[in-house]
């Protein structure tokens, strides 16, 4: 089962608290409290595994480790380990909820009971995409560790008891939406031979059977250097949520070329074509503008005269029409 749309909550680690301590060594004086460690940040990294989002099917809350508190004798707390989450390339990361806490607005730092505002260096983001294998994207930054009293020493304050608590890490609710990255997208009504064509051209092993909605999730295959994606059958009303279409229409958005299949057994191939084309237009105005090739599939199941007749009909709609058969 392909998981291509999930909502999760992420929490970066909190910074450790600074320590208040004094030198314990004989004949030594002065503050010796160490600073707290930085909280772990959360990154997303692109991988080729399309099923990488499956890890979030049941685990909806992700937390990075907190930084350790500072200790005595100048010992700083350890930083929390960063958390790197693997996601498929083509994943769109969208903030569903943006926390409006003062810490996240200005990352305030507690200093002798008061908040001192800091200017954020990072630009505020609402949506990001992972498009390359190995690409890492920072999505939640860990909190800063607080200073221990050693950092507050001065010529007029030789025994400071001031310290800082660590700042909280960023936390967001994110939607992870996979949009397949493919060179060619195979579309058409259910049971027109898309999976059969994918299997024939590539080493894919998509399920093939003679009934509607045989394919329940997208399948990928490689034809030399081209990546082909078999999009589950669309029907009239798919853009409004009917059938399986609305769930998988997003996967056509990134394809460069569309292979549109129409069954040679269809009694009205022009209507079939217009049905799918209309659903693409309703979903996104960009989809109908993609380069399109029209194939009359299952041509071995009808007579040559009927094929010629239907090609003439379809040529009035699309010039790139070819009859094909998956039987060799």
C-alpha atoms as a PDB file:
ATOM      1  CA  UNK A   1       0.000   0.000   0.000  1.00  0.00           C
ATOM      2  CA  UNK A   2       1.482   3.337  -1.094  1.00  0.00           C
ATOM      3  CA  UNK A   3       1.279   6.055   1.555  1.00  0.00           C
ATOM      4  CA  UNK A   4       1.417   9.365  -0.320  1.00  0.00           C
ATOM      5  CA  UNK A   5      -0.396  11.823   1.962  1.00  0.00           C
ATOM      6  CA  UNK A   6       0.146  12.041   5.739  1.00  0.00           C
ATOM      7  CA  UNK A   7      -0.088  14.630   8.489  1.00  0.00           C
ATOM      8  CA  UNK A   8       2.468  14.537  11.304  1.00  0.00           C
ATOM      9  CA  UNK A   9       3.577  16.671  14.231  1.00  0.00           C
ATOM     10  CA  UNK A  10       7.253  17.411  14.707  1.00  0.00           C
ATOM     11  CA  UNK A  11       9.028  18.804  17.752  1.00  0.00           C
ATOM     12  CA  UNK A  12      12.658  19.885  17.658  1.00  0.00           C
ATOM     13  CA  UNK A  13      14.687  19.450  20.839  1.00  0.00           C
ATOM     14  CA  UNK A  14      14.764  22.016  23.630  1.00  0.00           C
ATOM     15  CA  UNK A  15      18.044  23.671  24.546  1.00  0.00           C
ATOM     16  CA  UNK A  16      19.612  22.603  27.841  1.00  0.00           C
ATOM     17  CA  UNK A  17      19.649  24.842  30.895  1.00  0.00           C
ATOM     18  CA  UNK A  18      22.805  26.615  31.969  1.00  0.00           C
ATOM     19  CA  UNK A  19      24.285  25.640  35.346  1.00  0.00           C
ATOM     20  CA  UNK A  20      25.035  27.742  38.410  1.00  0.00           C
ATOM     21  CA  UNK A  21      28.141  26.323  40.054  1.00  0.00           C
ATOM     22  CA  UNK A  22      31.414  27.492  41.573  1.00  0.00           C
ATOM     23  CA  UNK A  23      34.908  26.131  41.297  1.00  0.00           C
ATOM     24  CA  UNK A  24      35.529  23.184  43.571  1.00  0.00           C
ATOM     25  CA  UNK A  25      39.265  23.003  43.036  1.00  0.00           C
ATOM     26  CA  UNK A  26      41.462  23.868  45.980  1.00  0.00           C
ATOM     27  CA  UNK A  27      42.699  27.479  45.947  1.00  0.00           C
ATOM     28  CA  UNK A  28      40.423  28.276  42.980  1.00  0.00           C
ATOM     29  CA  UNK A  29      37.483  30.636  43.040  1.00  0.00           C
ATOM     30  CA  UNK A  30      34.861  31.914  40.673  1.00  0.00           C
ATOM     31  CA  UNK A  31      31.890  30.680  38.668  1.00  0.00           C
ATOM     32  CA  UNK A  32      32.193  27.314  36.907  1.00  0.00           C
ATOM     33  CA  UNK A  33      28.713  26.586  35.590  1.00  0.00           C
ATOM     34  CA  UNK A  34      28.651  25.194  32.059  1.00  0.00           C
ATOM     35  CA  UNK A  35      26.188  26.101  29.324  1.00  0.00           C
ATOM     36  CA  UNK A  36      23.372  23.885  28.116  1.00  0.00           C
ATOM     37  CA  UNK A  37      23.571  21.944  24.867  1.00  0.00           C
ATOM     38  CA  UNK A  38      21.668  22.802  21.708  1.00  0.00           C
ATOM     39  CA  UNK A  39      18.452  20.890  21.058  1.00  0.00           C
ATOM     40  CA  UNK A  40      18.349  18.499  18.108  1.00  0.00           C
ATOM     41  CA  UNK A  41      16.980  19.844  14.821  1.00  0.00           C
ATOM     42  CA  UNK A  42      14.783  17.904  12.395  1.00  0.00           C
ATOM     43  CA  UNK A  43      15.690  17.472   8.727  1.00  0.00           C
ATOM     44  CA  UNK A  44      14.002  15.738   5.793  1.00  0.00           C
ATOM     45  CA  UNK A  45      16.244  13.906   3.316  1.00  0.00           C
ATOM     46  CA  UNK A  46      15.201  12.777  -0.152  1.00  0.00           C
ATOM     47  CA  UNK A  47      15.467   9.070  -1.057  1.00  0.00           C
ATOM     48  CA  UNK A  48      14.390   7.021  -4.072  1.00  0.00           C
ATOM     49  CA  UNK A  49      12.150   4.698  -2.027  1.00  0.00           C
ATOM     50  CA  UNK A  50       8.520   5.535  -2.870  1.00  0.00           C
ATOM     51  CA  UNK A  51       7.335   3.775   0.288  1.00  0.00           C
ATOM     52  CA  UNK A  52       9.403   5.925   2.656  1.00  0.00           C
ATOM     53  CA  UNK A  53       6.296   7.727   3.965  1.00  0.00           C
ATOM     54  CA  UNK A  54       5.022   4.405   5.291  1.00  0.00           C
ATOM     55  CA  UNK A  55       7.010   5.048   8.486  1.00  0.00           C
ATOM     56  CA  UNK A  56       4.499   7.785   9.369  1.00  0.00           C
ATOM     57  CA  UNK A  57       1.419   5.600   8.939  1.00  0.00           C
ATOM     58  CA  UNK A  58       1.170   4.945  12.671  1.00  0.00           C
ATOM     59  CA  UNK A  59       3.875   7.199  14.098  1.00  0.00           C
ATOM     60  CA  UNK A  60       2.353  10.675  13.892  1.00  0.00           C
ATOM     61  CA  UNK A  61       4.432  12.549  16.456  1.00  0.00           C
ATOM     62  CA  UNK A  62       8.173  12.966  15.908  1.00  0.00           C
ATOM     63  CA  UNK A  63      10.488  14.461  18.518  1.00  0.00           C
ATOM     64  CA  UNK A  64      14.189  15.227  18.412  1.00  0.00           C
ATOM     65  CA  UNK A  65      16.324  14.922  21.535  1.00  0.00           C
ATOM     66  CA  UNK A  66      16.751  17.811  23.956  1.00  0.00           C
ATOM     67  CA  UNK A  67      20.133  19.312  24.708  1.00  0.00           C
ATOM     68  CA  UNK A  68      21.641  18.293  28.032  1.00  0.00           C
ATOM     69  CA  UNK A  69      21.852  20.738  30.923  1.00  0.00           C
ATOM     70  CA  UNK A  70      25.144  22.389  31.765  1.00  0.00           C
ATOM     71  CA  UNK A  71      27.146  20.995  34.681  1.00  0.00           C
ATOM     72  CA  UNK A  72      29.692  22.168  37.196  1.00  0.00           C
ATOM     73  CA  UNK A  73      33.402  22.552  36.562  1.00  0.00           C
ATOM     74  CA  UNK A  74      32.944  24.254  33.195  1.00  0.00           C
ATOM     75  CA  UNK A  75      31.262  21.235  31.621  1.00  0.00           C
ATOM     76  CA  UNK A  76      28.820  22.172  28.887  1.00  0.00           C
ATOM     77  CA  UNK A  77      25.854  19.929  28.187  1.00  0.00           C
ATOM     78  CA  UNK A  78      25.951  17.761  25.069  1.00  0.00           C
ATOM     79  CA  UNK A  79      23.934  18.824  22.022  1.00  0.00           C
ATOM     80  CA  UNK A  80      20.856  16.794  21.186  1.00  0.00           C
ATOM     81  CA  UNK A  81      21.299  14.606  18.107  1.00  0.00           C
ATOM     82  CA  UNK A  82      19.714  15.929  14.937  1.00  0.00           C
ATOM     83  CA  UNK A  83      16.920  13.789  13.539  1.00  0.00           C
ATOM     84  CA  UNK A  84      16.989  13.031   9.786  1.00  0.00           C
ATOM     85  CA  UNK A  85      13.721  11.701   8.357  1.00  0.00           C
ATOM     86  CA  UNK A  86      13.816   9.931   4.982  1.00  0.00           C
ATOM     87  CA  UNK A  87      11.099  10.946   2.513  1.00  0.00           C
ATOM     88  CA  UNK A  88      10.619  10.096  -1.193  1.00  0.00           C
ATOM     89  CA  UNK A  89      11.806  12.615  -3.748  1.00  0.00           C
ATOM     90  CA  UNK A  90       8.774  14.551  -4.921  1.00  0.00           C
ATOM     91  CA  UNK A  91       7.471  15.085  -1.369  1.00  0.00           C
ATOM     92  CA  UNK A  92       5.823  18.461  -0.737  1.00  0.00           C
ATOM     93  CA  UNK A  93       6.123  19.629   2.886  1.00  0.00           C
ATOM     94  CA  UNK A  94       3.405  22.061   3.952  1.00  0.00           C
ATOM     95  CA  UNK A  95       2.920  23.708   7.327  1.00  0.00           C
ATOM     96  CA  UNK A  96      -0.619  22.997   8.462  1.00  0.00           C
ATOM     97  CA  UNK A  97      -0.243  24.902  11.713  1.00  0.00           C
ATOM     98  CA  UNK A  98       2.219  27.617  12.628  1.00  0.00           C
ATOM     99  CA  UNK A  99       2.829  28.166  16.312  1.00  0.00           C
ATOM    100  CA  UNK A 100       2.554  31.813  17.359  1.00  0.00           C
ATOM    101  CA  UNK A 101       4.512  31.509  20.599  1.00  0.00           C
ATOM    102  CA  UNK A 102       6.795  34.380  21.484  1.00  0.00           C
ATOM    103  CA  UNK A 103       9.772  32.029  21.373  1.00  0.00           C
ATOM    104  CA  UNK A 104       9.121  31.124  17.761  1.00  0.00           C
ATOM    105  CA  UNK A 105       8.330  34.659  16.687  1.00  0.00           C
ATOM    106  CA  UNK A 106      11.521  36.150  18.018  1.00  0.00           C
ATOM    107  CA  UNK A 107      13.332  33.255  19.699  1.00  0.00           C
ATOM    108  CA  UNK A 108      13.432  35.215  22.937  1.00  0.00           C
ATOM    109  CA  UNK A 109      16.220  34.397  25.372  1.00  0.00           C
ATOM    110  CA  UNK A 110      15.698  34.612  29.129  1.00  0.00           C
ATOM    111  CA  UNK A 111      18.232  36.950  30.640  1.00  0.00           C
ATOM    112  CA  UNK A 112      17.927  37.918  34.320  1.00  0.00           C
ATOM    113  CA  UNK A 113      14.171  37.540  34.236  1.00  0.00           C
ATOM    114  CA  UNK A 114      13.625  39.474  30.989  1.00  0.00           C
ATOM    115  CA  UNK A 115      13.217  38.455  27.331  1.00  0.00           C
ATOM    116  CA  UNK A 116      15.705  39.817  24.852  1.00  0.00           C
ATOM    117  CA  UNK A 117      14.456  39.616  21.249  1.00  0.00           C
ATOM    118  CA  UNK A 118      16.733  38.228  18.555  1.00  0.00           C
ATOM    119  CA  UNK A 119      16.276  38.694  14.833  1.00  0.00           C
ATOM    120  CA  UNK A 120      15.701  35.434  12.954  1.00  0.00           C
ATOM    121  CA  UNK A 121      18.299  34.753  10.287  1.00  0.00           C
ATOM    122  CA  UNK A 122      16.213  32.044   8.609  1.00  0.00           C
ATOM    123  CA  UNK A 123      13.378  33.108   6.260  1.00  0.00           C
ATOM    124  CA  UNK A 124       9.883  32.065   7.274  1.00  0.00           C
ATOM    125  CA  UNK A 125       8.616  29.238   5.075  1.00  0.00           C
ATOM    126  CA  UNK A 126       5.206  27.695   4.492  1.00  0.00           C
ATOM    127  CA  UNK A 127       5.934  25.035   1.874  1.00  0.00           C
ATOM    128  CA  UNK A 128       9.025  23.210   0.684  1.00  0.00           C
ATOM    129  CA  UNK A 129       9.746  20.372  -1.738  1.00  0.00           C
ATOM    130  CA  UNK A 130      12.297  17.558  -1.750  1.00  0.00           C
ATOM    131  CA  UNK A 131      13.340  17.088  -5.366  1.00  0.00           C
ATOM    132  CA  UNK A 132      16.757  15.396  -5.259  1.00  0.00           C
ATOM    133  CA  UNK A 133      18.131  12.212  -3.732  1.00  0.00           C
ATOM    134  CA  UNK A 134      20.309  13.145  -0.756  1.00  0.00           C
ATOM    135  CA  UNK A 135      18.883  16.657  -0.525  1.00  0.00           C
ATOM    136  CA  UNK A 136      18.414  17.726   3.111  1.00  0.00           C
ATOM    137  CA  UNK A 137      15.909  20.332   4.221  1.00  0.00           C
ATOM    138  CA  UNK A 138      15.810  21.834   7.719  1.00  0.00           C
ATOM    139  CA  UNK A 139      12.173  21.899   8.855  1.00  0.00           C
ATOM    140  CA  UNK A 140      12.420  22.476  12.619  1.00  0.00           C
ATOM    141  CA  UNK A 141      15.374  24.093  14.353  1.00  0.00           C
ATOM    142  CA  UNK A 142      16.449  22.967  17.811  1.00  0.00           C
ATOM    143  CA  UNK A 143      16.447  25.416  20.712  1.00  0.00           C
ATOM    144  CA  UNK A 144      19.604  27.186  21.836  1.00  0.00           C
ATOM    145  CA  UNK A 145      21.298  26.078  25.025  1.00  0.00           C
ATOM    146  CA  UNK A 146      21.228  28.506  27.937  1.00  0.00           C
ATOM    147  CA  UNK A 147      24.383  30.097  29.300  1.00  0.00           C
ATOM    148  CA  UNK A 148      25.817  28.959  32.621  1.00  0.00           C
ATOM    149  CA  UNK A 149      26.939  31.435  35.256  1.00  0.00           C
ATOM    150  CA  UNK A 150      30.551  31.201  34.025  1.00  0.00           C
ATOM    151  CA  UNK A 151      29.467  33.257  30.981  1.00  0.00           C
ATOM    152  CA  UNK A 152      28.103  36.022  33.231  1.00  0.00           C
ATOM    153  CA  UNK A 153      31.347  36.733  35.089  1.00  0.00           C
ATOM    154  CA  UNK A 154      32.741  40.248  34.922  1.00  0.00           C
ATOM    155  CA  UNK A 155      35.051  42.570  36.818  1.00  0.00           C
ATOM    156  CA  UNK A 156      32.131  43.936  38.815  1.00  0.00           C
ATOM    157  CA  UNK A 157      30.318  40.613  39.240  1.00  0.00           C
ATOM    158  CA  UNK A 158      32.871  37.999  40.222  1.00  0.00           C
ATOM    159  CA  UNK A 159      30.349  35.551  41.709  1.00  0.00           C
ATOM    160  CA  UNK A 160      27.330  35.645  39.361  1.00  0.00           C
ATOM    161  CA  UNK A 161      24.347  33.460  40.001  1.00  0.00           C
ATOM    162  CA  UNK A 162      22.618  34.334  36.746  1.00  0.00           C
ATOM    163  CA  UNK A 163      21.942  31.651  34.159  1.00  0.00           C
ATOM    164  CA  UNK A 164      19.722  31.038  31.159  1.00  0.00           C
ATOM    165  CA  UNK A 165      17.208  28.316  30.505  1.00  0.00           C
ATOM    166  CA  UNK A 166      17.345  26.827  27.038  1.00  0.00           C
ATOM    167  CA  UNK A 167      14.878  28.004  24.396  1.00  0.00           C
ATOM    168  CA  UNK A 168      12.261  25.568  23.099  1.00  0.00           C
ATOM    169  CA  UNK A 169      12.689  23.921  19.712  1.00  0.00           C
ATOM    170  CA  UNK A 170      10.368  24.706  16.831  1.00  0.00           C
ATOM    171  CA  UNK A 171       7.269  22.559  16.518  1.00  0.00           C
ATOM    172  CA  UNK A 172       4.880  22.311  13.603  1.00  0.00           C
ATOM    173  CA  UNK A 173       2.079  20.243  12.172  1.00  0.00           C
ATOM    174  CA  UNK A 174       3.137  19.218   8.660  1.00  0.00           C
ATOM    175  CA  UNK A 175       1.399  17.660   5.690  1.00  0.00           C
ATOM    176  CA  UNK A 176       3.636  15.414   3.609  1.00  0.00           C
ATOM    177  CA  UNK A 177       2.237  14.969   0.127  1.00  0.00           C
ATOM    178  CA  UNK A 178       4.028  12.821  -2.436  1.00  0.00           C
ATOM    179  CA  UNK A 179       3.867  13.899  -6.064  1.00  0.00           C
ATOM    180  CA  UNK A 180       5.669  11.426  -8.292  1.00  0.00           C
ATOM    181  CA  UNK A 181       8.527  12.730 -10.408  1.00  0.00           C
ATOM    182  CA  UNK A 182       8.280  10.959 -13.772  1.00  0.00           C
ATOM    183  CA  UNK A 183       9.028  11.751 -17.397  1.00  0.00           C
ATOM    184  CA  UNK A 184       5.854  10.135 -18.738  1.00  0.00           C
ATOM    185  CA  UNK A 185       2.467   9.702 -17.088  1.00  0.00           C
ATOM    186  CA  UNK A 186       0.065   7.023 -18.367  1.00  0.00           C
ATOM    187  CA  UNK A 187      -3.554   8.131 -17.998  1.00  0.00           C
ATOM    188  CA  UNK A 188      -6.968   7.015 -19.177  1.00  0.00           C
ATOM    189  CA  UNK A 189     -10.217   5.467 -18.042  1.00  0.00           C
ATOM    190  CA  UNK A 190     -10.013   2.268 -15.988  1.00  0.00           C
ATOM    191  CA  UNK A 191      -9.053  -0.951 -17.772  1.00  0.00           C
ATOM    192  CA  UNK A 192      -7.637   0.576 -20.943  1.00  0.00           C
ATOM    193  CA  UNK A 193      -4.250  -1.188 -20.713  1.00  0.00           C
ATOM    194  CA  UNK A 194      -2.034   1.296 -18.847  1.00  0.00           C
ATOM    195  CA  UNK A 195      -0.530  -1.315 -16.530  1.00  0.00           C
ATOM    196  CA  UNK A 196      -0.034  -3.739 -19.401  1.00  0.00           C
ATOM    197  CA  UNK A 197       1.842  -1.101 -21.382  1.00  0.00           C
ATOM    198  CA  UNK A 198       4.015  -0.238 -18.380  1.00  0.00           C
ATOM    199  CA  UNK A 199       4.846  -3.919 -17.823  1.00  0.00           C
ATOM    200  CA  UNK A 200       5.657  -4.386 -21.501  1.00  0.00           C
ATOM    201  CA  UNK A 201       7.986  -1.405 -21.742  1.00  0.00           C
ATOM    202  CA  UNK A 202       9.677  -1.806 -18.354  1.00  0.00           C
ATOM    203  CA  UNK A 203      10.385  -4.410 -15.714  1.00  0.00           C
ATOM    204  CA  UNK A 204       7.468  -3.249 -13.606  1.00  0.00           C
ATOM    205  CA  UNK A 205       5.144  -5.936 -12.315  1.00  0.00           C
ATOM    206  CA  UNK A 206       1.874  -4.055 -12.033  1.00  0.00           C
ATOM    207  CA  UNK A 207      -1.232  -6.128 -11.406  1.00  0.00           C
ATOM    208  CA  UNK A 208      -3.180  -6.750 -14.622  1.00  0.00           C
ATOM    209  CA  UNK A 209      -6.783  -7.979 -14.789  1.00  0.00           C
ATOM    210  CA  UNK A 210      -9.897  -7.385 -16.838  1.00  0.00           C
ATOM    211  CA  UNK A 211     -11.961  -5.333 -14.386  1.00  0.00           C
ATOM    212  CA  UNK A 212     -12.258  -1.703 -13.308  1.00  0.00           C
ATOM    213  CA  UNK A 213      -9.798  -0.250 -10.793  1.00  0.00           C
ATOM    214  CA  UNK A 214      -7.343  -3.131 -11.043  1.00  0.00           C
ATOM    215  CA  UNK A 215      -4.574  -0.661 -10.198  1.00  0.00           C
ATOM    216  CA  UNK A 216      -5.110   0.886  -6.772  1.00  0.00           C
ATOM    217  CA  UNK A 217      -1.888   2.869  -6.537  1.00  0.00           C
ATOM    218  CA  UNK A 218       0.638   4.431  -8.944  1.00  0.00           C
ATOM    219  CA  UNK A 219       3.397   2.232 -10.335  1.00  0.00           C
ATOM    220  CA  UNK A 220       6.748   3.285 -11.761  1.00  0.00           C
ATOM    221  CA  UNK A 221       9.006   1.715 -14.352  1.00  0.00           C
ATOM    222  CA  UNK A 222      12.167   2.699 -16.237  1.00  0.00           C
ATOM    223  CA  UNK A 223      12.374   2.542 -20.035  1.00  0.00           C
ATOM    224  CA  UNK A 224      16.066   3.171 -20.688  1.00  0.00           C
ATOM    225  CA  UNK A 225      16.497   6.649 -19.100  1.00  0.00           C
ATOM    226  CA  UNK A 226      12.799   7.528 -19.036  1.00  0.00           C
ATOM    227  CA  UNK A 227      10.690   7.083 -15.890  1.00  0.00           C
ATOM    228  CA  UNK A 228       7.095   6.012 -16.630  1.00  0.00           C
ATOM    229  CA  UNK A 229       4.269   6.340 -14.105  1.00  0.00           C
ATOM    230  CA  UNK A 230       1.034   4.365 -14.362  1.00  0.00           C
ATOM    231  CA  UNK A 231      -1.695   6.554 -12.834  1.00  0.00           C
ATOM    232  CA  UNK A 232      -4.737   4.610 -11.513  1.00  0.00           C
ATOM    233  CA  UNK A 233      -7.845   4.886 -13.683  1.00  0.00           C
ATOM    234  CA  UNK A 234      -9.674   8.191 -13.771  1.00  0.00           C
ATOM    235  CA  UNK A 235     -13.422   8.497 -14.213  1.00  0.00           C
ATOM    236  CA  UNK A 236     -15.879  11.308 -14.752  1.00  0.00           C
ATOM    237  CA  UNK A 237     -16.041  13.351 -11.556  1.00  0.00           C
ATOM    238  CA  UNK A 238     -12.513  12.361 -10.440  1.00  0.00           C
ATOM    239  CA  UNK A 239     -11.497  15.990  -9.845  1.00  0.00           C
ATOM    240  CA  UNK A 240     -14.428  16.320  -7.418  1.00  0.00           C
ATOM    241  CA  UNK A 241     -13.422  13.228  -5.461  1.00  0.00           C
ATOM    242  CA  UNK A 242     -15.284  10.515  -7.334  1.00  0.00           C
ATOM    243  CA  UNK A 243     -13.575   7.149  -7.686  1.00  0.00           C
ATOM    244  CA  UNK A 244      -9.817   6.978  -7.114  1.00  0.00           C
ATOM    245  CA  UNK A 245      -8.901   9.966  -9.263  1.00  0.00           C
ATOM    246  CA  UNK A 246      -8.637  12.818  -6.763  1.00  0.00           C
ATOM    247  CA  UNK A 247      -6.159  10.769  -4.741  1.00  0.00           C
ATOM    248  CA  UNK A 248      -3.784  10.317  -7.674  1.00  0.00           C
ATOM    249  CA  UNK A 249      -4.338  13.318  -9.951  1.00  0.00           C
ATOM    250  CA  UNK A 250      -1.520  15.060  -8.087  1.00  0.00           C
ATOM    251  CA  UNK A 251       0.957  12.518  -9.484  1.00  0.00           C
ATOM    252  CA  UNK A 252       0.382  13.791 -13.034  1.00  0.00           C
ATOM    253  CA  UNK A 253       1.439  17.339 -12.152  1.00  0.00           C
ATOM    254  CA  UNK A 254       5.189  16.710 -12.412  1.00  0.00           C
ATOM    255  CA  UNK A 255       5.187  14.503 -15.501  1.00  0.00           C
ATOM    256  CA  UNK A 256       6.689  16.090 -18.599  1.00  0.00           C
ATOM    257  CA  UNK A 257       4.676  14.081 -21.148  1.00  0.00           C
ATOM    258  CA  UNK A 258       1.267  12.418 -20.998  1.00  0.00           C
ATOM    259  CA  UNK A 259       0.432   9.125 -22.725  1.00  0.00           C
ATOM    260  CA  UNK A 260      -3.336   9.070 -22.966  1.00  0.00           C
ATOM    261  CA  UNK A 261      -4.768   5.583 -23.593  1.00  0.00           C
ATOM    262  CA  UNK A 262      -8.208   4.913 -25.031  1.00  0.00           C
ATOM    263  CA  UNK A 263      -9.486   1.397 -25.551  1.00  0.00           C
ATOM    264  CA  UNK A 264     -10.143   0.366 -29.148  1.00  0.00           C
ATOM    265  CA  UNK A 265     -13.216  -1.455 -27.776  1.00  0.00           C
ATOM    266  CA  UNK A 266     -14.781   1.840 -26.718  1.00  0.00           C
ATOM    267  CA  UNK A 267     -18.044   2.671 -28.457  1.00  0.00           C
ATOM    268  CA  UNK A 268     -17.343   6.391 -28.200  1.00  0.00           C
ATOM    269  CA  UNK A 269     -13.558   7.086 -28.067  1.00  0.00           C
ATOM    270  CA  UNK A 270     -14.045  10.848 -28.540  1.00  0.00           C
ATOM    271  CA  UNK A 271     -16.251  11.000 -25.447  1.00  0.00           C
ATOM    272  CA  UNK A 272     -13.715   8.977 -23.444  1.00  0.00           C
ATOM    273  CA  UNK A 273     -10.980  11.391 -24.440  1.00  0.00           C
ATOM    274  CA  UNK A 274     -13.025  14.480 -23.559  1.00  0.00           C
ATOM    275  CA  UNK A 275     -14.032  12.981 -20.197  1.00  0.00           C
ATOM    276  CA  UNK A 276     -10.433  12.603 -19.049  1.00  0.00           C
ATOM    277  CA  UNK A 277      -9.370  15.914 -20.585  1.00  0.00           C
ATOM    278  CA  UNK A 278     -12.176  17.714 -18.756  1.00  0.00           C
ATOM    279  CA  UNK A 279     -11.146  16.220 -15.412  1.00  0.00           C
ATOM    280  CA  UNK A 280      -7.547  17.355 -15.966  1.00  0.00           C
ATOM    281  CA  UNK A 281      -8.747  20.881 -16.715  1.00  0.00           C
ATOM    282  CA  UNK A 282     -10.878  20.978 -13.578  1.00  0.00           C
ATOM    283  CA  UNK A 283      -8.005  19.776 -11.390  1.00  0.00           C
ATOM    284  CA  UNK A 284      -5.305  22.080 -12.762  1.00  0.00           C
ATOM    285  CA  UNK A 285      -5.087  24.451 -15.698  1.00  0.00           C
ATOM    286  CA  UNK A 286      -1.487  23.337 -16.265  1.00  0.00           C
ATOM    287  CA  UNK A 287      -2.267  19.657 -16.974  1.00  0.00           C
ATOM    288  CA  UNK A 288      -4.036  20.088 -20.344  1.00  0.00           C
ATOM    289  CA  UNK A 289      -1.050  22.120 -21.593  1.00  0.00           C
ATOM    290  CA  UNK A 290       1.414  19.235 -21.248  1.00  0.00           C
ATOM    291  CA  UNK A 291       2.705  17.434 -24.344  1.00  0.00           C
ATOM    292  CA  UNK A 292       0.252  14.614 -25.049  1.00  0.00           C
ATOM    293  CA  UNK A 293       0.308  11.452 -27.154  1.00  0.00           C
ATOM    294  CA  UNK A 294      -2.893   9.522 -27.747  1.00  0.00           C
ATOM    295  CA  UNK A 295      -2.846   5.727 -28.065  1.00  0.00           C
ATOM    296  CA  UNK A 296      -5.658   3.462 -29.187  1.00  0.00           C
ATOM    297  CA  UNK A 297      -4.950   0.464 -26.963  1.00  0.00           C
ATOM    298  CA  UNK A 298      -6.184  -3.123 -27.277  1.00  0.00           C
ATOM    299  CA  UNK A 299      -6.164  -2.740 -31.069  1.00  0.00           C
ATOM    300  CA  UNK A 300      -5.743  -6.508 -31.460  1.00  0.00           C
ATOM    301  CA  UNK A 301      -9.301  -6.997 -30.184  1.00  0.00           C
ATOM    302  CA  UNK A 302     -11.074  -5.151 -33.023  1.00  0.00           C
ATOM    303  CA  UNK A 303     -10.957  -5.209 -36.811  1.00  0.00           C
ATOM    304  CA  UNK A 304      -8.579  -3.072 -38.872  1.00  0.00           C
ATOM    305  CA  UNK A 305     -11.518  -1.216 -40.416  1.00  0.00           C
ATOM    306  CA  UNK A 306     -12.803  -0.233 -36.987  1.00  0.00           C
ATOM    307  CA  UNK A 307      -9.354   0.924 -35.904  1.00  0.00           C
ATOM    308  CA  UNK A 308      -9.048   3.174 -38.971  1.00  0.00           C
ATOM    309  CA  UNK A 309     -12.489   4.614 -38.323  1.00  0.00           C
ATOM    310  CA  UNK A 310     -11.676   5.441 -34.695  1.00  0.00           C
ATOM    311  CA  UNK A 311      -8.275   6.914 -35.559  1.00  0.00           C
ATOM    312  CA  UNK A 312      -9.990   9.300 -37.996  1.00  0.00           C
ATOM    313  CA  UNK A 313     -12.380  10.361 -35.222  1.00  0.00           C
ATOM    314  CA  UNK A 314      -9.562  10.914 -32.739  1.00  0.00           C
ATOM    315  CA  UNK A 315      -7.387  12.755 -35.282  1.00  0.00           C
ATOM    316  CA  UNK A 316      -9.940  15.538 -35.197  1.00  0.00           C
ATOM    317  CA  UNK A 317      -9.114  15.974 -31.497  1.00  0.00           C
ATOM    318  CA  UNK A 318      -5.409  15.089 -31.270  1.00  0.00           C
ATOM    319  CA  UNK A 319      -2.889  14.725 -34.093  1.00  0.00           C
ATOM    320  CA  UNK A 320      -0.610  12.302 -32.240  1.00  0.00           C
ATOM    321  CA  UNK A 321      -2.738   9.133 -32.434  1.00  0.00           C
ATOM    322  CA  UNK A 322      -1.281   5.619 -32.694  1.00  0.00           C
ATOM    323  CA  UNK A 323      -2.876   2.169 -32.391  1.00  0.00           C
ATOM    324  CA  UNK A 324      -1.028  -0.197 -30.037  1.00  0.00           C
ATOM    325  CA  UNK A 325      -1.290  -3.743 -28.796  1.00  0.00           C
ATOM    326  CA  UNK A 326       0.510  -5.325 -25.854  1.00  0.00           C
ATOM    327  CA  UNK A 327       0.359  -8.757 -27.492  1.00  0.00           C
ATOM    328  CA  UNK A 328       3.572  -9.581 -29.371  1.00  0.00           C
END
